[in-house]
Amino acid sequence: RVLIVDDVAETRENVRKLLQFEGDVEVVGAARSGREGIQQSFELDPDVVLMDIAMPDLNGIDATQIVTRKAPETKVIILSVHSDSEHVYRAFQAGATGYLLKESAGAEVVEAVRAAKQGIRYVSQKIADAQNLRRDKRSPFESLSAREREVLERIAAGDEDAEDDVPQEDQPQ
């Protein structure tokens, strides 16, 4: 049982169409604002709410906090265009179970809904990949080859001929 909350009618309709083909997923409603989403969450008792962030009346992060506090059995997946770590962090702090980028929603929305229903945290693959890059504790300098470090050090020291020593296959395109 899924409730879709997004201020863009086309997005609500596209997500509804995508989910309606799943035998184990039922779209029970759609809302245009955060306040309407909260109201329908309590009236319709969905298992999962797909919640946009940027909406009139009340943003999706604040709406998520209210829904998850008053109905902790309802799982919320943020559906957003924002992929930066601040939005992701705030969404999970508000109680979201998942974070899905709209650009990849078609491929991942069913998987995210099923994961949320089971209480499993779901994050869009693009965000997960970006977070994994940040977990690399090496500095960018340490990731360079010995030759790359040598050339970089020469350039930093003011050696104008250092760039000429970079092999063609190592030069940026």
N, C-alpha and C. Protein backbone atom coordinates (compact mmCIF):
# COMPACT_ATOMS: atom_id res chain seq x y z
N ARG A 1 0.85 -1.17 0.00
CA ARG A 1 0.00 0.00 0.00
C ARG A 1 0.89 1.23 0.00
N VAL A 2 0.81 2.01 -1.10
CA VAL A 2 1.70 3.14 -1.30
C VAL A 2 0.91 4.43 -1.51
N LEU A 3 1.40 5.50 -0.87
CA LEU A 3 0.87 6.84 -1.07
C LEU A 3 1.96 7.65 -1.77
N ILE A 4 1.61 8.36 -2.83
CA ILE A 4 2.56 9.18 -3.58
C ILE A 4 2.30 10.64 -3.24
N VAL A 5 3.34 11.35 -2.78
CA VAL A 5 3.20 12.76 -2.41
C VAL A 5 4.21 13.57 -3.22
N ASP A 6 3.69 14.34 -4.18
CA ASP A 6 4.53 15.16 -5.05
C ASP A 6 3.67 16.27 -5.61
N ASP A 7 4.21 17.47 -5.70
CA ASP A 7 3.42 18.60 -6.19
C ASP A 7 3.27 18.60 -7.71
N VAL A 8 4.01 17.76 -8.41
CA VAL A 8 3.94 17.70 -9.87
C VAL A 8 3.03 16.54 -10.28
N ALA A 9 1.91 16.88 -10.92
CA ALA A 9 0.92 15.87 -11.31
C ALA A 9 1.53 14.79 -12.21
N GLU A 10 2.38 15.19 -13.12
CA GLU A 10 2.99 14.23 -14.05
C GLU A 10 3.85 13.21 -13.29
N THR A 11 4.57 13.66 -12.29
CA THR A 11 5.39 12.74 -11.49
C THR A 11 4.50 11.76 -10.75
N ARG A 12 3.44 12.27 -10.12
CA ARG A 12 2.51 11.38 -9.40
C ARG A 12 1.94 10.32 -10.33
N GLU A 13 1.54 10.75 -11.52
CA GLU A 13 0.93 9.83 -12.48
C GLU A 13 1.96 8.80 -13.00
N ASN A 14 3.15 9.25 -13.31
CA ASN A 14 4.18 8.33 -13.81
C ASN A 14 4.56 7.28 -12.77
N VAL A 15 4.70 7.69 -11.52
CA VAL A 15 5.04 6.73 -10.46
C VAL A 15 3.87 5.76 -10.25
N ARG A 16 2.65 6.30 -10.27
CA ARG A 16 1.47 5.44 -10.12
C ARG A 16 1.43 4.38 -11.22
N LYS A 17 1.65 4.79 -12.46
CA LYS A 17 1.65 3.86 -13.60
C LYS A 17 2.72 2.79 -13.43
N LEU A 18 3.89 3.21 -12.99
CA LEU A 18 4.99 2.27 -12.79
C LEU A 18 4.64 1.23 -11.73
N LEU A 19 4.04 1.67 -10.64
CA LEU A 19 3.74 0.76 -9.54
C LEU A 19 2.52 -0.13 -9.80
N GLN A 20 1.58 0.33 -10.62
CA GLN A 20 0.35 -0.42 -10.82
C GLN A 20 0.58 -1.77 -11.51
N PHE A 21 1.72 -1.92 -12.16
CA PHE A 21 2.02 -3.18 -12.85
C PHE A 21 2.59 -4.24 -11.92
N GLU A 22 2.83 -3.87 -10.68
CA GLU A 22 3.36 -4.82 -9.70
C GLU A 22 2.20 -5.46 -8.96
N GLY A 23 2.16 -6.76 -8.97
CA GLY A 23 1.04 -7.47 -8.33
C GLY A 23 0.97 -7.30 -6.83
N ASP A 24 2.09 -7.03 -6.20
CA ASP A 24 2.11 -6.92 -4.74
C ASP A 24 2.14 -5.47 -4.25
N VAL A 25 1.94 -4.49 -5.14
CA VAL A 25 1.95 -3.08 -4.77
C VAL A 25 0.63 -2.44 -5.19
N GLU A 26 0.01 -1.74 -4.24
CA GLU A 26 -1.24 -1.03 -4.51
C GLU A 26 -1.05 0.45 -4.18
N VAL A 27 -1.32 1.32 -5.14
CA VAL A 27 -1.27 2.76 -4.89
C VAL A 27 -2.62 3.14 -4.29
N VAL A 28 -2.59 3.61 -3.03
CA VAL A 28 -3.84 3.91 -2.32
C VAL A 28 -4.22 5.38 -2.37
N GLY A 29 -3.28 6.23 -2.84
CA GLY A 29 -3.61 7.65 -2.92
C GLY A 29 -2.46 8.47 -3.45
N ALA A 30 -2.77 9.75 -3.70
CA ALA A 30 -1.76 10.70 -4.17
C ALA A 30 -2.09 12.06 -3.57
N ALA A 31 -1.05 12.79 -3.19
CA ALA A 31 -1.22 14.10 -2.58
C ALA A 31 -0.31 15.10 -3.26
N ARG A 32 -0.72 16.40 -3.21
CA ARG A 32 0.01 17.46 -3.90
C ARG A 32 0.90 18.31 -3.00
N SER A 33 0.81 18.13 -1.70
CA SER A 33 1.59 18.96 -0.79
C SER A 33 1.97 18.17 0.45
N GLY A 34 2.88 18.71 1.21
CA GLY A 34 3.29 18.05 2.45
C GLY A 34 2.14 17.88 3.42
N ARG A 35 1.34 18.93 3.61
CA ARG A 35 0.20 18.85 4.54
C ARG A 35 -0.84 17.83 4.07
N GLU A 36 -1.12 17.85 2.77
CA GLU A 36 -2.07 16.88 2.22
C GLU A 36 -1.52 15.46 2.36
N GLY A 37 -0.21 15.31 2.19
CA GLY A 37 0.43 14.01 2.35
C GLY A 37 0.32 13.49 3.78
N ILE A 38 0.49 14.38 4.75
CA ILE A 38 0.35 13.98 6.15
C ILE A 38 -1.08 13.52 6.42
N GLN A 39 -2.04 14.33 5.98
CA GLN A 39 -3.46 14.01 6.19
C GLN A 39 -3.81 12.65 5.59
N GLN A 40 -3.39 12.43 4.32
CA GLN A 40 -3.70 11.16 3.67
C GLN A 40 -2.95 9.99 4.30
N SER A 41 -1.77 10.25 4.82
CA SER A 41 -1.02 9.19 5.50
C SER A 41 -1.82 8.64 6.67
N PHE A 42 -2.45 9.54 7.43
CA PHE A 42 -3.23 9.10 8.58
C PHE A 42 -4.58 8.51 8.19
N GLU A 43 -5.18 9.02 7.13
CA GLU A 43 -6.48 8.52 6.68
C GLU A 43 -6.37 7.19 5.96
N LEU A 44 -5.36 7.04 5.09
CA LEU A 44 -5.26 5.86 4.22
C LEU A 44 -4.38 4.75 4.80
N ASP A 45 -3.58 5.07 5.80
CA ASP A 45 -2.70 4.10 6.46
C ASP A 45 -1.85 3.30 5.47
N PRO A 46 -1.06 3.98 4.63
CA PRO A 46 -0.21 3.25 3.67
C PRO A 46 0.96 2.58 4.39
N ASP A 47 1.52 1.57 3.75
CA ASP A 47 2.75 0.96 4.28
C ASP A 47 3.94 1.84 3.96
N VAL A 48 3.91 2.44 2.76
CA VAL A 48 5.04 3.25 2.28
C VAL A 48 4.51 4.54 1.68
N VAL A 49 5.20 5.64 1.99
CA VAL A 49 4.90 6.93 1.38
C VAL A 49 6.11 7.33 0.54
N LEU A 50 5.88 7.64 -0.73
CA LEU A 50 6.91 8.20 -1.60
C LEU A 50 6.73 9.71 -1.53
N MET A 51 7.72 10.42 -0.94
CA MET A 51 7.58 11.83 -0.59
C MET A 51 8.61 12.70 -1.30
N ASP A 52 8.12 13.68 -2.05
CA ASP A 52 9.00 14.68 -2.66
C ASP A 52 9.51 15.60 -1.55
N ILE A 53 10.62 16.30 -1.79
CA ILE A 53 11.12 17.26 -0.81
C ILE A 53 10.53 18.64 -1.04
N ALA A 54 10.70 19.17 -2.24
CA ALA A 54 10.30 20.55 -2.54
C ALA A 54 8.83 20.60 -2.92
N MET A 55 8.01 21.02 -1.95
CA MET A 55 6.57 21.12 -2.20
C MET A 55 6.04 22.38 -1.52
N PRO A 56 4.92 22.89 -2.04
CA PRO A 56 4.31 24.04 -1.38
C PRO A 56 3.68 23.61 -0.05
N ASP A 57 3.43 24.58 0.78
CA ASP A 57 2.70 24.35 2.02
C ASP A 57 3.61 23.78 3.12
N LEU A 58 4.25 22.66 2.88
CA LEU A 58 5.14 22.03 3.85
C LEU A 58 6.10 21.14 3.08
N ASN A 59 7.40 21.30 3.30
CA ASN A 59 8.36 20.49 2.55
C ASN A 59 8.32 19.03 2.99
N GLY A 60 8.85 18.18 2.13
CA GLY A 60 8.79 16.74 2.37
C GLY A 60 9.59 16.25 3.55
N ILE A 61 10.66 16.93 3.89
CA ILE A 61 11.46 16.50 5.05
C ILE A 61 10.68 16.75 6.34
N ASP A 62 10.06 17.93 6.46
CA ASP A 62 9.25 18.21 7.65
C ASP A 62 8.03 17.30 7.70
N ALA A 63 7.42 17.05 6.55
CA ALA A 63 6.27 16.15 6.50
C ALA A 63 6.68 14.73 6.89
N THR A 64 7.86 14.30 6.46
CA THR A 64 8.37 12.98 6.81
C THR A 64 8.53 12.85 8.32
N GLN A 65 9.06 13.89 8.93
CA GLN A 65 9.27 13.87 10.38
C GLN A 65 7.94 13.70 11.12
N ILE A 66 6.92 14.38 10.66
CA ILE A 66 5.61 14.28 11.30
C ILE A 66 5.01 12.88 11.09
N VAL A 67 5.06 12.39 9.87
CA VAL A 67 4.49 11.07 9.57
C VAL A 67 5.21 9.98 10.36
N THR A 68 6.53 9.99 10.35
CA THR A 68 7.27 8.90 11.01
C THR A 68 7.18 8.99 12.54
N ARG A 69 6.97 10.18 13.07
CA ARG A 69 6.82 10.33 14.52
C ARG A 69 5.44 9.85 14.97
N LYS A 70 4.40 10.21 14.21
CA LYS A 70 3.03 9.88 14.62
C LYS A 70 2.57 8.51 14.13
N ALA A 71 3.21 8.00 13.08
CA ALA A 71 2.85 6.68 12.54
C ALA A 71 4.14 5.94 12.21
N PRO A 72 4.87 5.49 13.23
CA PRO A 72 6.20 4.88 12.99
C PRO A 72 6.18 3.62 12.14
N GLU A 73 5.02 2.99 12.00
CA GLU A 73 4.94 1.80 11.15
C GLU A 73 4.91 2.16 9.67
N THR A 74 4.60 3.43 9.36
CA THR A 74 4.60 3.89 7.98
C THR A 74 6.03 4.25 7.58
N LYS A 75 6.49 3.67 6.51
CA LYS A 75 7.84 3.94 6.01
C LYS A 75 7.78 5.03 4.94
N VAL A 76 8.75 5.93 4.98
CA VAL A 76 8.79 7.02 4.01
C VAL A 76 10.05 6.92 3.17
N ILE A 77 9.87 7.02 1.87
CA ILE A 77 10.99 7.09 0.93
C ILE A 77 10.95 8.48 0.33
N ILE A 78 12.04 9.21 0.46
CA ILE A 78 12.14 10.51 -0.17
C ILE A 78 12.39 10.30 -1.65
N LEU A 79 11.63 11.01 -2.47
CA LEU A 79 11.77 10.95 -3.93
C LEU A 79 12.14 12.37 -4.36
N SER A 80 13.40 12.57 -4.76
CA SER A 80 13.87 13.94 -4.93
C SER A 80 14.84 14.09 -6.10
N VAL A 81 15.00 15.34 -6.54
CA VAL A 81 16.03 15.67 -7.53
C VAL A 81 17.35 16.00 -6.84
N HIS A 82 17.32 16.20 -5.53
CA HIS A 82 18.50 16.60 -4.78
C HIS A 82 19.35 15.39 -4.40
N SER A 83 20.63 15.40 -4.82
CA SER A 83 21.50 14.28 -4.50
C SER A 83 22.61 14.65 -3.53
N ASP A 84 22.62 15.89 -3.05
CA ASP A 84 23.70 16.31 -2.16
C ASP A 84 23.53 15.67 -0.78
N SER A 85 24.65 15.56 -0.07
CA SER A 85 24.66 14.86 1.21
C SER A 85 23.81 15.56 2.27
N GLU A 86 23.66 16.86 2.20
CA GLU A 86 22.85 17.58 3.18
C GLU A 86 21.38 17.16 3.11
N HIS A 87 20.82 17.09 1.92
CA HIS A 87 19.42 16.65 1.79
C HIS A 87 19.26 15.20 2.24
N VAL A 88 20.19 14.35 1.84
CA VAL A 88 20.12 12.94 2.21
C VAL A 88 20.18 12.80 3.74
N TYR A 89 21.12 13.50 4.35
CA TYR A 89 21.29 13.45 5.80
C TYR A 89 20.02 13.92 6.51
N ARG A 90 19.48 15.07 6.08
CA ARG A 90 18.27 15.61 6.72
C ARG A 90 17.09 14.67 6.56
N ALA A 91 16.99 14.02 5.42
CA ALA A 91 15.88 13.09 5.19
C ALA A 91 15.94 11.92 6.17
N PHE A 92 17.13 11.34 6.33
CA PHE A 92 17.25 10.21 7.26
C PHE A 92 17.10 10.66 8.71
N GLN A 93 17.55 11.86 9.02
CA GLN A 93 17.35 12.40 10.37
C GLN A 93 15.86 12.58 10.65
N ALA A 94 15.08 12.89 9.63
CA ALA A 94 13.64 13.08 9.78
C ALA A 94 12.89 11.75 9.91
N GLY A 95 13.58 10.65 9.66
CA GLY A 95 12.96 9.34 9.82
C GLY A 95 12.72 8.57 8.54
N ALA A 96 13.19 9.10 7.41
CA ALA A 96 13.00 8.39 6.13
C ALA A 96 13.70 7.03 6.17
N THR A 97 13.10 6.07 5.49
CA THR A 97 13.68 4.74 5.36
C THR A 97 14.48 4.62 4.08
N GLY A 98 14.18 5.50 3.10
CA GLY A 98 14.88 5.45 1.83
C GLY A 98 15.01 6.82 1.21
N TYR A 99 15.91 6.89 0.23
CA TYR A 99 16.13 8.13 -0.51
C TYR A 99 16.35 7.75 -1.96
N LEU A 100 15.45 8.20 -2.81
CA LEU A 100 15.45 7.80 -4.21
C LEU A 100 15.52 9.05 -5.09
N LEU A 101 16.44 9.05 -6.03
CA LEU A 101 16.53 10.17 -6.97
C LEU A 101 15.47 10.01 -8.05
N LYS A 102 14.83 11.11 -8.39
CA LYS A 102 13.79 11.05 -9.42
C LYS A 102 14.35 10.56 -10.75
N GLU A 103 15.59 10.91 -11.06
CA GLU A 103 16.17 10.50 -12.34
C GLU A 103 16.32 9.00 -12.46
N SER A 104 16.40 8.30 -11.34
CA SER A 104 16.55 6.84 -11.39
C SER A 104 15.32 6.13 -10.83
N ALA A 105 14.28 6.88 -10.55
CA ALA A 105 13.10 6.29 -9.92
C ALA A 105 12.49 5.17 -10.74
N GLY A 106 12.46 5.31 -12.05
CA GLY A 106 11.87 4.27 -12.87
C GLY A 106 12.51 2.92 -12.66
N ALA A 107 13.80 2.92 -12.56
CA ALA A 107 14.53 1.66 -12.41
C ALA A 107 14.53 1.15 -10.98
N GLU A 108 14.37 2.05 -10.02
CA GLU A 108 14.57 1.65 -8.63
C GLU A 108 13.35 1.75 -7.72
N VAL A 109 12.29 2.38 -8.17
CA VAL A 109 11.19 2.67 -7.26
C VAL A 109 10.54 1.41 -6.68
N VAL A 110 10.34 0.40 -7.48
CA VAL A 110 9.73 -0.84 -6.97
C VAL A 110 10.64 -1.50 -5.95
N GLU A 111 11.91 -1.57 -6.27
CA GLU A 111 12.89 -2.15 -5.34
C GLU A 111 12.92 -1.37 -4.03
N ALA A 112 12.88 -0.05 -4.11
CA ALA A 112 12.91 0.80 -2.92
C ALA A 112 11.65 0.60 -2.07
N VAL A 113 10.49 0.51 -2.71
CA VAL A 113 9.23 0.30 -1.98
C VAL A 113 9.26 -1.05 -1.26
N ARG A 114 9.70 -2.08 -1.93
CA ARG A 114 9.76 -3.41 -1.30
C ARG A 114 10.75 -3.43 -0.14
N ALA A 115 11.88 -2.77 -0.31
CA ALA A 115 12.88 -2.70 0.77
C ALA A 115 12.30 -1.95 1.97
N ALA A 116 11.67 -0.81 1.72
CA ALA A 116 11.10 -0.01 2.81
C ALA A 116 10.04 -0.79 3.57
N LYS A 117 9.19 -1.50 2.84
CA LYS A 117 8.14 -2.31 3.48
C LYS A 117 8.73 -3.29 4.47
N GLN A 118 9.93 -3.79 4.16
CA GLN A 118 10.61 -4.73 5.04
C GLN A 118 11.47 -4.02 6.09
N GLY A 119 11.45 -2.69 6.08
CA GLY A 119 12.24 -1.93 7.05
C GLY A 119 13.71 -1.82 6.69
N ILE A 120 14.03 -2.09 5.43
CA ILE A 120 15.41 -2.04 4.96
C ILE A 120 15.67 -0.66 4.35
N ARG A 121 16.74 -0.03 4.77
CA ARG A 121 17.10 1.29 4.23
C ARG A 121 17.49 1.15 2.77
N TYR A 122 16.99 2.07 1.95
CA TYR A 122 17.30 2.06 0.52
C TYR A 122 17.81 3.43 0.10
N VAL A 123 18.91 3.43 -0.64
CA VAL A 123 19.48 4.67 -1.17
C VAL A 123 19.74 4.46 -2.65
N SER A 124 19.36 5.45 -3.48
CA SER A 124 19.62 5.37 -4.92
C SER A 124 21.07 4.98 -5.18
N GLN A 125 21.28 4.18 -6.21
CA GLN A 125 22.61 3.71 -6.53
C GLN A 125 23.59 4.86 -6.76
N LYS A 126 23.13 5.91 -7.42
CA LYS A 126 24.01 7.06 -7.69
C LYS A 126 24.51 7.70 -6.39
N ILE A 127 23.63 7.82 -5.42
CA ILE A 127 24.03 8.39 -4.13
C ILE A 127 24.96 7.43 -3.40
N ALA A 128 24.63 6.16 -3.41
CA ALA A 128 25.48 5.16 -2.76
C ALA A 128 26.88 5.17 -3.35
N ASP A 129 26.97 5.25 -4.66
CA ASP A 129 28.27 5.30 -5.32
C ASP A 129 29.06 6.53 -4.89
N ALA A 130 28.41 7.68 -4.81
CA ALA A 130 29.07 8.91 -4.39
C ALA A 130 29.55 8.81 -2.95
N GLN A 131 28.75 8.19 -2.08
CA GLN A 131 29.13 8.03 -0.68
C GLN A 131 30.33 7.10 -0.56
N ASN A 132 30.38 6.05 -1.39
CA ASN A 132 31.52 5.14 -1.35
C ASN A 132 32.80 5.85 -1.74
N LEU A 133 32.72 6.78 -2.70
CA LEU A 133 33.91 7.54 -3.08
C LEU A 133 34.42 8.36 -1.90
N ARG A 134 33.50 8.90 -1.10
CA ARG A 134 33.91 9.71 0.04
C ARG A 134 34.50 8.88 1.16
N ARG A 135 34.25 7.59 1.15
CA ARG A 135 34.80 6.73 2.20
C ARG A 135 36.27 6.40 1.95
N ASP A 136 36.79 6.73 0.78
CA ASP A 136 38.20 6.51 0.47
C ASP A 136 39.01 7.49 1.31
N LYS A 137 39.75 6.96 2.27
CA LYS A 137 40.46 7.81 3.23
C LYS A 137 41.75 8.42 2.66
N ARG A 138 42.19 7.96 1.50
CA ARG A 138 43.40 8.51 0.91
C ARG A 138 43.13 9.90 0.36
N SER A 139 44.16 10.73 0.45
CA SER A 139 44.03 12.05 -0.17
C SER A 139 44.16 11.89 -1.67
N PRO A 140 43.66 12.84 -2.45
CA PRO A 140 43.83 12.76 -3.90
C PRO A 140 45.30 12.66 -4.30
N PHE A 141 46.19 13.32 -3.56
CA PHE A 141 47.62 13.27 -3.86
C PHE A 141 48.15 11.84 -3.72
N GLU A 142 47.70 11.12 -2.68
CA GLU A 142 48.15 9.75 -2.46
C GLU A 142 47.67 8.79 -3.54
N SER A 143 46.61 9.14 -4.23
CA SER A 143 46.09 8.25 -5.27
C SER A 143 46.85 8.39 -6.59
N LEU A 144 47.73 9.39 -6.69
CA LEU A 144 48.52 9.58 -7.91
C LEU A 144 49.66 8.58 -7.97
N SER A 145 50.08 8.26 -9.20
CA SER A 145 51.25 7.39 -9.36
C SER A 145 52.49 8.20 -8.99
N ALA A 146 53.62 7.53 -8.82
CA ALA A 146 54.87 8.20 -8.47
C ALA A 146 55.23 9.23 -9.54
N ARG A 147 55.05 8.88 -10.80
CA ARG A 147 55.37 9.79 -11.90
C ARG A 147 54.44 11.02 -11.88
N GLU A 148 53.15 10.79 -11.63
CA GLU A 148 52.21 11.90 -11.56
C GLU A 148 52.56 12.85 -10.41
N ARG A 149 52.95 12.28 -9.27
CA ARG A 149 53.35 13.13 -8.12
C ARG A 149 54.59 13.95 -8.46
N GLU A 150 55.55 13.32 -9.15
CA GLU A 150 56.78 14.02 -9.52
C GLU A 150 56.46 15.22 -10.41
N VAL A 151 55.62 15.00 -11.43
CA VAL A 151 55.27 16.09 -12.35
C VAL A 151 54.50 17.18 -11.60
N LEU A 152 53.57 16.79 -10.76
CA LEU A 152 52.80 17.76 -9.99
C LEU A 152 53.71 18.59 -9.09
N GLU A 153 54.65 17.94 -8.44
CA GLU A 153 55.59 18.67 -7.57
C GLU A 153 56.43 19.64 -8.38
N ARG A 154 56.84 19.25 -9.57
CA ARG A 154 57.63 20.15 -10.41
C ARG A 154 56.82 21.35 -10.86
N ILE A 155 55.55 21.11 -11.22
CA ILE A 155 54.68 22.22 -11.62
C ILE A 155 54.48 23.17 -10.43
N ALA A 156 54.25 22.60 -9.25
CA ALA A 156 54.05 23.43 -8.06
C ALA A 156 55.30 24.24 -7.73
N ALA A 157 56.46 23.70 -8.06
CA ALA A 157 57.71 24.40 -7.79
C ALA A 157 58.03 25.43 -8.87
N GLY A 158 57.19 25.51 -9.90
CA GLY A 158 57.37 26.53 -10.93
C GLY A 158 58.12 26.07 -12.16
N ASP A 159 58.34 24.77 -12.31
CA ASP A 159 59.04 24.24 -13.48
C ASP A 159 58.10 24.27 -14.67
N GLU A 160 58.32 25.22 -15.57
CA GLU A 160 57.43 25.41 -16.72
C GLU A 160 57.52 24.27 -17.73
N ASP A 161 58.58 23.51 -17.71
CA ASP A 161 58.75 22.41 -18.66
C ASP A 161 58.15 21.10 -18.14
N ALA A 162 57.65 21.09 -16.92
CA ALA A 162 57.16 19.84 -16.32
C ALA A 162 55.99 19.26 -17.11
N GLU A 163 55.09 20.11 -17.61
CA GLU A 163 53.93 19.60 -18.35
C GLU A 163 54.34 18.90 -19.63
N ASP A 164 55.46 19.30 -20.20
CA ASP A 164 55.95 18.65 -21.42
C ASP A 164 56.42 17.24 -21.15
N ASP A 165 56.73 16.91 -19.89
CA ASP A 165 57.21 15.58 -19.51
C ASP A 165 56.09 14.58 -19.25
N VAL A 166 54.84 15.06 -19.27
CA VAL A 166 53.71 14.16 -19.01
C VAL A 166 53.44 13.36 -20.28
N PRO A 167 53.45 12.01 -20.18
CA PRO A 167 53.15 11.20 -21.36
C PRO A 167 51.75 11.51 -21.90
N GLN A 168 51.56 11.45 -23.20
CA GLN A 168 50.29 11.79 -23.85
C GLN A 168 49.10 11.06 -23.21
N GLU A 169 49.24 9.75 -22.88
CA GLU A 169 48.10 9.01 -22.35
C GLU A 169 47.70 9.46 -20.95
N ASP A 170 48.58 10.19 -20.24
CA ASP A 170 48.28 10.68 -18.90
C ASP A 170 47.68 12.07 -18.89
N GLN A 171 47.73 12.77 -20.03
CA GLN A 171 47.23 14.14 -20.06
C GLN A 171 45.71 14.14 -20.11
N PRO A 172 45.12 15.10 -19.40
CA PRO A 172 43.65 15.18 -19.43
C PRO A 172 43.14 15.51 -20.81
N GLN A 173 41.96 15.02 -21.11
CA GLN A 173 41.34 15.27 -22.42
C GLN A 173 40.50 16.51 -22.39
